[in-house]
Amino acid sequence: MPKRTGFTAWYDKFLSSFSIEDLFVRKRPPGPPRTILINEPLPDSYYDKKHRLLKEHQYNSNQVITSKYTLLTFLPRNLLEQFRRVANV
């Protein structure tokens, strides 16, 4: 079989290394274990010299924002929603 070059070689290389499973596999190593402190101050080891929280103890929040509009986008989006239907024009 002749050696492939150009696009076909790139395409074969891409398909051989592509896996759907890679899209859903965790790529980052897990962070340090969390300790949940209820109604207790954080230990001093969680802070640096200037009493700022250390980076390894800052976690992402679980907040989900489901709002459709903000103060700036209310009027343009609302008008777009209203006039995209033929009956409202």
PDB file of N, CA and C in Angstrom:
ATOM      1  N   MET A   1       0.847  -1.174   0.000  1.00  0.00           N
ATOM      2  CA  MET A   1       0.000   0.000   0.000  1.00  0.00           C
ATOM      3  C   MET A   1       0.891   1.235   0.000  1.00  0.00           C
ATOM      4  N   PRO A   2       0.638   2.207  -0.863  1.00  0.00           N
ATOM      5  CA  PRO A   2       1.497   3.400  -0.914  1.00  0.00           C
ATOM      6  C   PRO A   2       1.325   4.253   0.343  1.00  0.00           C
ATOM      7  N   LYS A   3       2.403   4.956   0.669  1.00  0.00           N
ATOM      8  CA  LYS A   3       2.382   5.828   1.844  1.00  0.00           C
ATOM      9  C   LYS A   3       1.492   7.035   1.572  1.00  0.00           C
ATOM     10  N   ARG A   4       0.605   7.343   2.527  1.00  0.00           N
ATOM     11  CA  ARG A   4      -0.312   8.463   2.355  1.00  0.00           C
ATOM     12  C   ARG A   4       0.374   9.764   2.753  1.00  0.00           C
ATOM     13  N   THR A   5       0.020  10.820   2.072  1.00  0.00           N
ATOM     14  CA  THR A   5       0.596  12.125   2.379  1.00  0.00           C
ATOM     15  C   THR A   5      -0.512  13.161   2.430  1.00  0.00           C
ATOM     16  N   GLY A   6      -0.192  14.313   2.974  1.00  0.00           N
ATOM     17  CA  GLY A   6      -1.127  15.437   2.988  1.00  0.00           C
ATOM     18  C   GLY A   6      -2.321  15.203   3.887  1.00  0.00           C
ATOM     19  N   PHE A   7      -3.488  15.528   3.362  1.00  0.00           N
ATOM     20  CA  PHE A   7      -4.721  15.469   4.132  1.00  0.00           C
ATOM     21  C   PHE A   7      -5.063  14.047   4.557  1.00  0.00           C
ATOM     22  N   THR A   8      -4.865  13.085   3.683  1.00  0.00           N
ATOM     23  CA  THR A   8      -5.231  11.705   4.016  1.00  0.00           C
ATOM     24  C   THR A   8      -4.377  11.171   5.158  1.00  0.00           C
ATOM     25  N   ALA A   9      -3.103  11.531   5.196  1.00  0.00           N
ATOM     26  CA  ALA A   9      -2.242  11.093   6.293  1.00  0.00           C
ATOM     27  C   ALA A   9      -2.692  11.737   7.607  1.00  0.00           C
ATOM     28  N   TRP A  10      -3.013  13.024   7.551  1.00  0.00           N
ATOM     29  CA  TRP A  10      -3.482  13.722   8.751  1.00  0.00           C
ATOM     30  C   TRP A  10      -4.804  13.115   9.229  1.00  0.00           C
ATOM     31  N   TYR A  11      -5.699  12.824   8.289  1.00  0.00           N
ATOM     32  CA  TYR A  11      -7.010  12.266   8.622  1.00  0.00           C
ATOM     33  C   TYR A  11      -6.857  10.897   9.279  1.00  0.00           C
ATOM     34  N   ASP A  12      -5.989  10.042   8.729  1.00  0.00           N
ATOM     35  CA  ASP A  12      -5.759   8.723   9.321  1.00  0.00           C
ATOM     36  C   ASP A  12      -5.170   8.855  10.725  1.00  0.00           C
ATOM     37  N   LYS A  13      -4.250   9.783  10.899  1.00  0.00           N
ATOM     38  CA  LYS A  13      -3.624   9.991  12.208  1.00  0.00           C
ATOM     39  C   LYS A  13      -4.655  10.489  13.219  1.00  0.00           C
ATOM     40  N   PHE A  14      -5.525  11.394  12.798  1.00  0.00           N
ATOM     41  CA  PHE A  14      -6.549  11.941  13.677  1.00  0.00           C
ATOM     42  C   PHE A  14      -7.528  10.862  14.104  1.00  0.00           C
ATOM     43  N   LEU A  15      -7.991  10.057  13.153  1.00  0.00           N
ATOM     44  CA  LEU A  15      -8.962   9.014  13.482  1.00  0.00           C
ATOM     45  C   LEU A  15      -8.371   7.932  14.368  1.00  0.00           C
ATOM     46  N   SER A  16      -7.107   7.626  14.190  1.00  0.00           N
ATOM     47  CA  SER A  16      -6.512   6.570  15.001  1.00  0.00           C
ATOM     48  C   SER A  16      -6.311   7.019  16.453  1.00  0.00           C
ATOM     49  N   SER A  17      -6.147   8.333  16.682  1.00  0.00           N
ATOM     50  CA  SER A  17      -5.928   8.802  18.045  1.00  0.00           C
ATOM     51  C   SER A  17      -7.197   9.349  18.690  1.00  0.00           C
ATOM     52  N   PHE A  18      -8.290   9.487  17.953  1.00  0.00           N
ATOM     53  CA  PHE A  18      -9.516  10.071  18.484  1.00  0.00           C
ATOM     54  C   PHE A  18     -10.349   9.009  19.173  1.00  0.00           C
ATOM     55  N   SER A  19     -10.884   9.384  20.323  1.00  0.00           N
ATOM     56  CA  SER A  19     -11.755   8.483  21.057  1.00  0.00           C
ATOM     57  C   SER A  19     -12.847   9.314  21.714  1.00  0.00           C
ATOM     58  N   ILE A  20     -14.081   8.880  21.588  1.00  0.00           N
ATOM     59  CA  ILE A  20     -15.206   9.579  22.228  1.00  0.00           C
ATOM     60  C   ILE A  20     -15.026   9.558  23.742  1.00  0.00           C
ATOM     61  N   GLU A  21     -14.484   8.507  24.261  1.00  0.00           N
ATOM     62  CA  GLU A  21     -14.299   8.374  25.709  1.00  0.00           C
ATOM     63  C   GLU A  21     -13.396   9.472  26.263  1.00  0.00           C
ATOM     64  N   ASP A  22     -12.423   9.926  25.458  1.00  0.00           N
ATOM     65  CA  ASP A  22     -11.521  10.986  25.912  1.00  0.00           C
ATOM     66  C   ASP A  22     -12.252  12.294  26.182  1.00  0.00           C
ATOM     67  N   LEU A  23     -13.399  12.502  25.545  1.00  0.00           N
ATOM     68  CA  LEU A  23     -14.158  13.722  25.769  1.00  0.00           C
ATOM     69  C   LEU A  23     -14.762  13.773  27.162  1.00  0.00           C
ATOM     70  N   PHE A  24     -14.997  12.608  27.781  1.00  0.00           N
ATOM     71  CA  PHE A  24     -15.680  12.548  29.061  1.00  0.00           C
ATOM     72  C   PHE A  24     -14.781  12.125  30.210  1.00  0.00           C
ATOM     73  N   VAL A  25     -13.524  11.886  29.937  1.00  0.00           N
ATOM     74  CA  VAL A  25     -12.596  11.463  30.978  1.00  0.00           C
ATOM     75  C   VAL A  25     -11.999  12.695  31.636  1.00  0.00           C
ATOM     76  N   ARG A  26     -11.861  12.653  32.945  1.00  0.00           N
ATOM     77  CA  ARG A  26     -11.276  13.772  33.684  1.00  0.00           C
ATOM     78  C   ARG A  26      -9.824  13.941  33.271  1.00  0.00           C
ATOM     79  N   LYS A  27      -9.478  15.156  32.880  1.00  0.00           N
ATOM     80  CA  LYS A  27      -8.123  15.422  32.426  1.00  0.00           C
ATOM     81  C   LYS A  27      -7.251  15.994  33.530  1.00  0.00           C
ATOM     82  N   ARG A  28      -7.875  16.617  34.536  1.00  0.00           N
ATOM     83  CA  ARG A  28      -7.101  17.184  35.635  1.00  0.00           C
ATOM     84  C   ARG A  28      -7.002  16.178  36.780  1.00  0.00           C
ATOM     85  N   PRO A  29      -5.883  16.151  37.458  1.00  0.00           N
ATOM     86  CA  PRO A  29      -5.808  15.285  38.629  1.00  0.00           C
ATOM     87  C   PRO A  29      -6.695  15.856  39.733  1.00  0.00           C
ATOM     88  N   PRO A  30      -7.200  15.017  40.588  1.00  0.00           N
ATOM     89  CA  PRO A  30      -8.061  15.527  41.658  1.00  0.00           C
ATOM     90  C   PRO A  30      -7.272  16.411  42.609  1.00  0.00           C
ATOM     91  N   GLY A  31      -7.936  17.422  43.142  1.00  0.00           N
ATOM     92  CA  GLY A  31      -7.294  18.342  44.067  1.00  0.00           C
ATOM     93  C   GLY A  31      -7.153  17.736  45.454  1.00  0.00           C
ATOM     94  N   PRO A  32      -6.737  18.551  46.402  1.00  0.00           N
ATOM     95  CA  PRO A  32      -6.594  18.032  47.761  1.00  0.00           C
ATOM     96  C   PRO A  32      -7.962  17.693  48.336  1.00  0.00           C
ATOM     97  N   PRO A  33      -7.999  16.779  49.278  1.00  0.00           N
ATOM     98  CA  PRO A  33      -9.291  16.424  49.864  1.00  0.00           C
ATOM     99  C   PRO A  33      -9.887  17.623  50.605  1.00  0.00           C
ATOM    100  N   ARG A  34     -11.194  17.737  50.569  1.00  0.00           N
ATOM    101  CA  ARG A  34     -11.878  18.844  51.225  1.00  0.00           C
ATOM    102  C   ARG A  34     -12.252  18.457  52.644  1.00  0.00           C
ATOM    103  N   THR A  35     -12.191  19.456  53.497  1.00  0.00           N
ATOM    104  CA  THR A  35     -12.671  19.304  54.861  1.00  0.00           C
ATOM    105  C   THR A  35     -13.774  20.324  55.052  1.00  0.00           C
ATOM    106  N   ILE A  36     -14.944  19.861  55.433  1.00  0.00           N
ATOM    107  CA  ILE A  36     -16.068  20.764  55.618  1.00  0.00           C
ATOM    108  C   ILE A  36     -16.133  21.144  57.085  1.00  0.00           C
ATOM    109  N   LEU A  37     -16.047  22.447  57.346  1.00  0.00           N
ATOM    110  CA  LEU A  37     -16.095  22.959  58.709  1.00  0.00           C
ATOM    111  C   LEU A  37     -17.404  23.727  58.868  1.00  0.00           C
ATOM    112  N   ILE A  38     -18.254  23.262  59.749  1.00  0.00           N
ATOM    113  CA  ILE A  38     -19.549  23.900  59.965  1.00  0.00           C
ATOM    114  C   ILE A  38     -19.486  24.698  61.252  1.00  0.00           C
ATOM    115  N   ASN A  39     -19.756  26.004  61.122  1.00  0.00           N
ATOM    116  CA  ASN A  39     -19.747  26.928  62.258  1.00  0.00           C
ATOM    117  C   ASN A  39     -18.412  26.954  62.983  1.00  0.00           C
ATOM    118  N   GLU A  40     -17.339  26.757  62.244  1.00  0.00           N
ATOM    119  CA  GLU A  40     -15.990  26.846  62.801  1.00  0.00           C
ATOM    120  C   GLU A  40     -15.139  27.682  61.852  1.00  0.00           C
ATOM    121  N   PRO A  41     -14.233  28.490  62.369  1.00  0.00           N
ATOM    122  CA  PRO A  41     -13.349  29.245  61.475  1.00  0.00           C
ATOM    123  C   PRO A  41     -12.338  28.305  60.801  1.00  0.00           C
ATOM    124  N   LEU A  42     -11.842  28.732  59.668  1.00  0.00           N
ATOM    125  CA  LEU A  42     -10.844  27.925  58.971  1.00  0.00           C
ATOM    126  C   LEU A  42      -9.553  27.895  59.769  1.00  0.00           C
ATOM    127  N   PRO A  43      -8.827  26.788  59.706  1.00  0.00           N
ATOM    128  CA  PRO A  43      -7.547  26.711  60.416  1.00  0.00           C
ATOM    129  C   PRO A  43      -6.542  27.723  59.859  1.00  0.00           C
ATOM    130  N   ASP A  44      -5.568  28.098  60.652  1.00  0.00           N
ATOM    131  CA  ASP A  44      -4.547  29.056  60.233  1.00  0.00           C
ATOM    132  C   ASP A  44      -3.697  28.527  59.083  1.00  0.00           C
ATOM    133  N   SER A  45      -3.617  27.214  58.917  1.00  0.00           N
ATOM    134  CA  SER A  45      -2.824  26.651  57.825  1.00  0.00           C
ATOM    135  C   SER A  45      -3.461  26.910  56.460  1.00  0.00           C
ATOM    136  N   TYR A  46      -4.709  27.331  56.419  1.00  0.00           N
ATOM    137  CA  TYR A  46      -5.393  27.630  55.163  1.00  0.00           C
ATOM    138  C   TYR A  46      -5.055  29.026  54.651  1.00  0.00           C
ATOM    139  N   TYR A  47      -4.378  29.831  55.444  1.00  0.00           N
ATOM    140  CA  TYR A  47      -4.103  31.222  55.092  1.00  0.00           C
ATOM    141  C   TYR A  47      -2.603  31.454  54.923  1.00  0.00           C
ATOM    142  N   ASP A  48      -2.259  32.490  54.110  1.00  0.00           N
ATOM    143  CA  ASP A  48      -0.864  32.877  53.957  1.00  0.00           C
ATOM    144  C   ASP A  48      -0.512  33.942  54.998  1.00  0.00           C
ATOM    145  N   LYS A  49       0.657  34.570  54.845  1.00  0.00           N
ATOM    146  CA  LYS A  49       1.135  35.554  55.829  1.00  0.00           C
ATOM    147  C   LYS A  49       0.230  36.776  55.908  1.00  0.00           C
ATOM    148  N   LYS A  50      -0.390  37.149  54.775  1.00  0.00           N
ATOM    149  CA  LYS A  50      -1.262  38.322  54.749  1.00  0.00           C
ATOM    150  C   LYS A  50      -2.714  37.970  55.047  1.00  0.00           C
ATOM    151  N   HIS A  51      -2.949  36.783  55.538  1.00  0.00           N
ATOM    152  CA  HIS A  51      -4.257  36.260  55.918  1.00  0.00           C
ATOM    153  C   HIS A  51      -5.217  36.182  54.720  1.00  0.00           C
ATOM    154  N   ARG A  52      -4.657  35.822  53.556  1.00  0.00           N
ATOM    155  CA  ARG A  52      -5.459  35.537  52.375  1.00  0.00           C
ATOM    156  C   ARG A  52      -5.544  34.027  52.216  1.00  0.00           C
ATOM    157  N   LEU A  53      -6.672  33.555  51.721  1.00  0.00           N
ATOM    158  CA  LEU A  53      -6.885  32.127  51.552  1.00  0.00           C
ATOM    159  C   LEU A  53      -5.908  31.577  50.507  1.00  0.00           C
ATOM    160  N   LEU A  54      -5.244  30.469  50.804  1.00  0.00           N
ATOM    161  CA  LEU A  54      -4.301  29.862  49.872  1.00  0.00           C
ATOM    162  C   LEU A  54      -5.025  29.322  48.646  1.00  0.00           C
ATOM    163  N   LYS A  55      -4.340  29.321  47.519  1.00  0.00           N
ATOM    164  CA  LYS A  55      -4.949  28.925  46.258  1.00  0.00           C
ATOM    165  C   LYS A  55      -5.418  27.473  46.277  1.00  0.00           C
ATOM    166  N   GLU A  56      -4.711  26.604  46.940  1.00  0.00           N
ATOM    167  CA  GLU A  56      -5.109  25.192  46.942  1.00  0.00           C
ATOM    168  C   GLU A  56      -6.371  24.930  47.765  1.00  0.00           C
ATOM    169  N   HIS A  57      -6.835  25.937  48.496  1.00  0.00           N
ATOM    170  CA  HIS A  57      -8.067  25.786  49.278  1.00  0.00           C
ATOM    171  C   HIS A  57      -9.218  26.607  48.706  1.00  0.00           C
ATOM    172  N   GLN A  58      -9.074  27.105  47.490  1.00  0.00           N
ATOM    173  CA  GLN A  58     -10.156  27.824  46.819  1.00  0.00           C
ATOM    174  C   GLN A  58     -10.798  26.865  45.817  1.00  0.00           C
ATOM    175  N   TYR A  59     -12.086  26.658  45.957  1.00  0.00           N
ATOM    176  CA  TYR A  59     -12.808  25.707  45.115  1.00  0.00           C
ATOM    177  C   TYR A  59     -13.859  26.431  44.291  1.00  0.00           C
ATOM    178  N   ASN A  60     -14.271  25.810  43.203  1.00  0.00           N
ATOM    179  CA  ASN A  60     -15.355  26.351  42.389  1.00  0.00           C
ATOM    180  C   ASN A  60     -16.667  26.196  43.138  1.00  0.00           C
ATOM    181  N   SER A  61     -17.544  27.162  42.942  1.00  0.00           N
ATOM    182  CA  SER A  61     -18.846  27.059  43.589  1.00  0.00           C
ATOM    183  C   SER A  61     -19.765  26.186  42.746  1.00  0.00           C
ATOM    184  N   ASN A  62     -20.865  25.769  43.334  1.00  0.00           N
ATOM    185  CA  ASN A  62     -21.860  24.967  42.627  1.00  0.00           C
ATOM    186  C   ASN A  62     -23.014  25.830  42.129  1.00  0.00           C
ATOM    187  N   GLN A  63     -22.805  27.127  42.056  1.00  0.00           N
ATOM    188  CA  GLN A  63     -23.856  28.051  41.659  1.00  0.00           C
ATOM    189  C   GLN A  63     -24.221  27.855  40.192  1.00  0.00           C
ATOM    190  N   VAL A  64     -25.527  27.807  39.926  1.00  0.00           N
ATOM    191  CA  VAL A  64     -26.038  27.690  38.571  1.00  0.00           C
ATOM    192  C   VAL A  64     -26.882  28.927  38.304  1.00  0.00           C
ATOM    193  N   ILE A  65     -26.583  29.630  37.214  1.00  0.00           N
ATOM    194  CA  ILE A  65     -27.327  30.830  36.862  1.00  0.00           C
ATOM    195  C   ILE A  65     -28.246  30.488  35.705  1.00  0.00           C
ATOM    196  N   THR A  66     -29.547  30.618  35.923  1.00  0.00           N
ATOM    197  CA  THR A  66     -30.510  30.263  34.888  1.00  0.00           C
ATOM    198  C   THR A  66     -31.264  31.478  34.363  1.00  0.00           C
ATOM    199  N   SER A  67     -30.812  32.666  34.705  1.00  0.00           N
ATOM    200  CA  SER A  67     -31.521  33.856  34.238  1.00  0.00           C
ATOM    201  C   SER A  67     -31.317  34.042  32.740  1.00  0.00           C
ATOM    202  N   LYS A  68     -32.361  34.506  32.095  1.00  0.00           N
ATOM    203  CA  LYS A  68     -32.312  34.711  30.660  1.00  0.00           C
ATOM    204  C   LYS A  68     -31.822  36.115  30.325  1.00  0.00           C
ATOM    205  N   TYR A  69     -32.137  37.071  31.184  1.00  0.00           N
ATOM    206  CA  TYR A  69     -31.825  38.469  30.915  1.00  0.00           C
ATOM    207  C   TYR A  69     -30.933  39.058  32.000  1.00  0.00           C
ATOM    208  N   THR A  70     -30.185  40.089  31.627  1.00  0.00           N
ATOM    209  CA  THR A  70     -29.489  40.946  32.579  1.00  0.00           C
ATOM    210  C   THR A  70     -30.016  42.359  32.352  1.00  0.00           C
ATOM    211  N   LEU A  71     -29.567  43.304  33.135  1.00  0.00           N
ATOM    212  CA  LEU A  71     -30.029  44.671  32.959  1.00  0.00           C
ATOM    213  C   LEU A  71     -29.681  45.215  31.571  1.00  0.00           C
ATOM    214  N   LEU A  72     -28.533  44.814  31.061  1.00  0.00           N
ATOM    215  CA  LEU A  72     -28.094  45.331  29.751  1.00  0.00           C
ATOM    216  C   LEU A  72     -28.748  44.625  28.574  1.00  0.00           C
ATOM    217  N   THR A  73     -29.112  43.365  28.745  1.00  0.00           N
ATOM    218  CA  THR A  73     -29.622  42.600  27.601  1.00  0.00           C
ATOM    219  C   THR A  73     -31.135  42.462  27.591  1.00  0.00           C
ATOM    220  N   PHE A  74     -31.830  43.027  28.581  1.00  0.00           N
ATOM    221  CA  PHE A  74     -33.277  42.826  28.646  1.00  0.00           C
ATOM    222  C   PHE A  74     -33.985  43.372  27.418  1.00  0.00           C
ATOM    223  N   LEU A  75     -33.790  44.633  27.096  1.00  0.00           N
ATOM    224  CA  LEU A  75     -34.520  45.254  25.984  1.00  0.00           C
ATOM    225  C   LEU A  75     -34.183  44.612  24.634  1.00  0.00           C
ATOM    226  N   PRO A  76     -32.908  44.446  24.253  1.00  0.00           N
ATOM    227  CA  PRO A  76     -32.640  43.820  22.943  1.00  0.00           C
ATOM    228  C   PRO A  76     -33.160  42.389  22.842  1.00  0.00           C
ATOM    229  N   ARG A  77     -32.966  41.597  23.867  1.00  0.00           N
ATOM    230  CA  ARG A  77     -33.422  40.208  23.795  1.00  0.00           C
ATOM    231  C   ARG A  77     -34.940  40.101  23.810  1.00  0.00           C
ATOM    232  N   ASN A  78     -35.571  40.941  24.602  1.00  0.00           N
ATOM    233  CA  ASN A  78     -37.021  40.914  24.665  1.00  0.00           C
ATOM    234  C   ASN A  78     -37.614  41.301  23.317  1.00  0.00           C
ATOM    235  N   LEU A  79     -37.092  42.354  22.694  1.00  0.00           N
ATOM    236  CA  LEU A  79     -37.584  42.750  21.375  1.00  0.00           C
ATOM    237  C   LEU A  79     -37.325  41.667  20.331  1.00  0.00           C
ATOM    238  N   LEU A  80     -36.167  41.029  20.413  1.00  0.00           N
ATOM    239  CA  LEU A  80     -35.856  39.944  19.484  1.00  0.00           C
ATOM    240  C   LEU A  80     -36.843  38.793  19.652  1.00  0.00           C
ATOM    241  N   GLU A  81     -37.140  38.430  20.882  1.00  0.00           N
ATOM    242  CA  GLU A  81     -38.098  37.353  21.143  1.00  0.00           C
ATOM    243  C   GLU A  81     -39.483  37.718  20.622  1.00  0.00           C
ATOM    244  N   GLN A  82     -39.890  38.972  20.798  1.00  0.00           N
ATOM    245  CA  GLN A  82     -41.218  39.393  20.377  1.00  0.00           C
ATOM    246  C   GLN A  82     -41.356  39.409  18.856  1.00  0.00           C
ATOM    247  N   PHE A  83     -40.360  39.928  18.155  1.00  0.00           N
ATOM    248  CA  PHE A  83     -40.491  40.143  16.722  1.00  0.00           C
ATOM    249  C   PHE A  83     -39.945  39.016  15.865  1.00  0.00           C
ATOM    250  N   ARG A  84     -39.490  37.943  16.454  1.00  0.00           N
ATOM    251  CA  ARG A  84     -39.042  36.842  15.617  1.00  0.00           C
ATOM    252  C   ARG A  84     -40.224  36.001  15.113  1.00  0.00           C
ATOM    253  N   ARG A  85     -41.365  36.157  15.718  1.00  0.00           N
ATOM    254  CA  ARG A  85     -42.569  35.487  15.257  1.00  0.00           C
ATOM    255  C   ARG A  85     -43.297  36.374  14.244  1.00  0.00           C
ATOM    256  N   VAL A  86     -43.767  35.808  13.177  1.00  0.00           N
ATOM    257  CA  VAL A  86     -44.398  36.559  12.111  1.00  0.00           C
ATOM    258  C   VAL A  86     -45.662  37.250  12.610  1.00  0.00           C
ATOM    259  N   ALA A  87     -46.407  36.604  13.470  1.00  0.00           N
ATOM    260  CA  ALA A  87     -47.669  37.162  13.948  1.00  0.00           C
ATOM    261  C   ALA A  87     -47.463  38.436  14.748  1.00  0.00           C
ATOM    262  N   ASN A  88     -46.321  38.560  15.415  1.00  0.00           N
ATOM    263  CA  ASN A  88     -46.062  39.746  16.239  1.00  0.00           C
ATOM    264  C   ASN A  88     -45.513  40.911  15.433  1.00  0.00           C
ATOM    265  N   VAL A  89     -45.051  40.675  14.235  1.00  0.00           N
ATOM    266  CA  VAL A  89     -44.492  41.751  13.421  1.00  0.00           C
ATOM    267  C   VAL A  89     -45.616  42.620  12.925  1.00  0.00           C
TER     268      VAL A  89
END
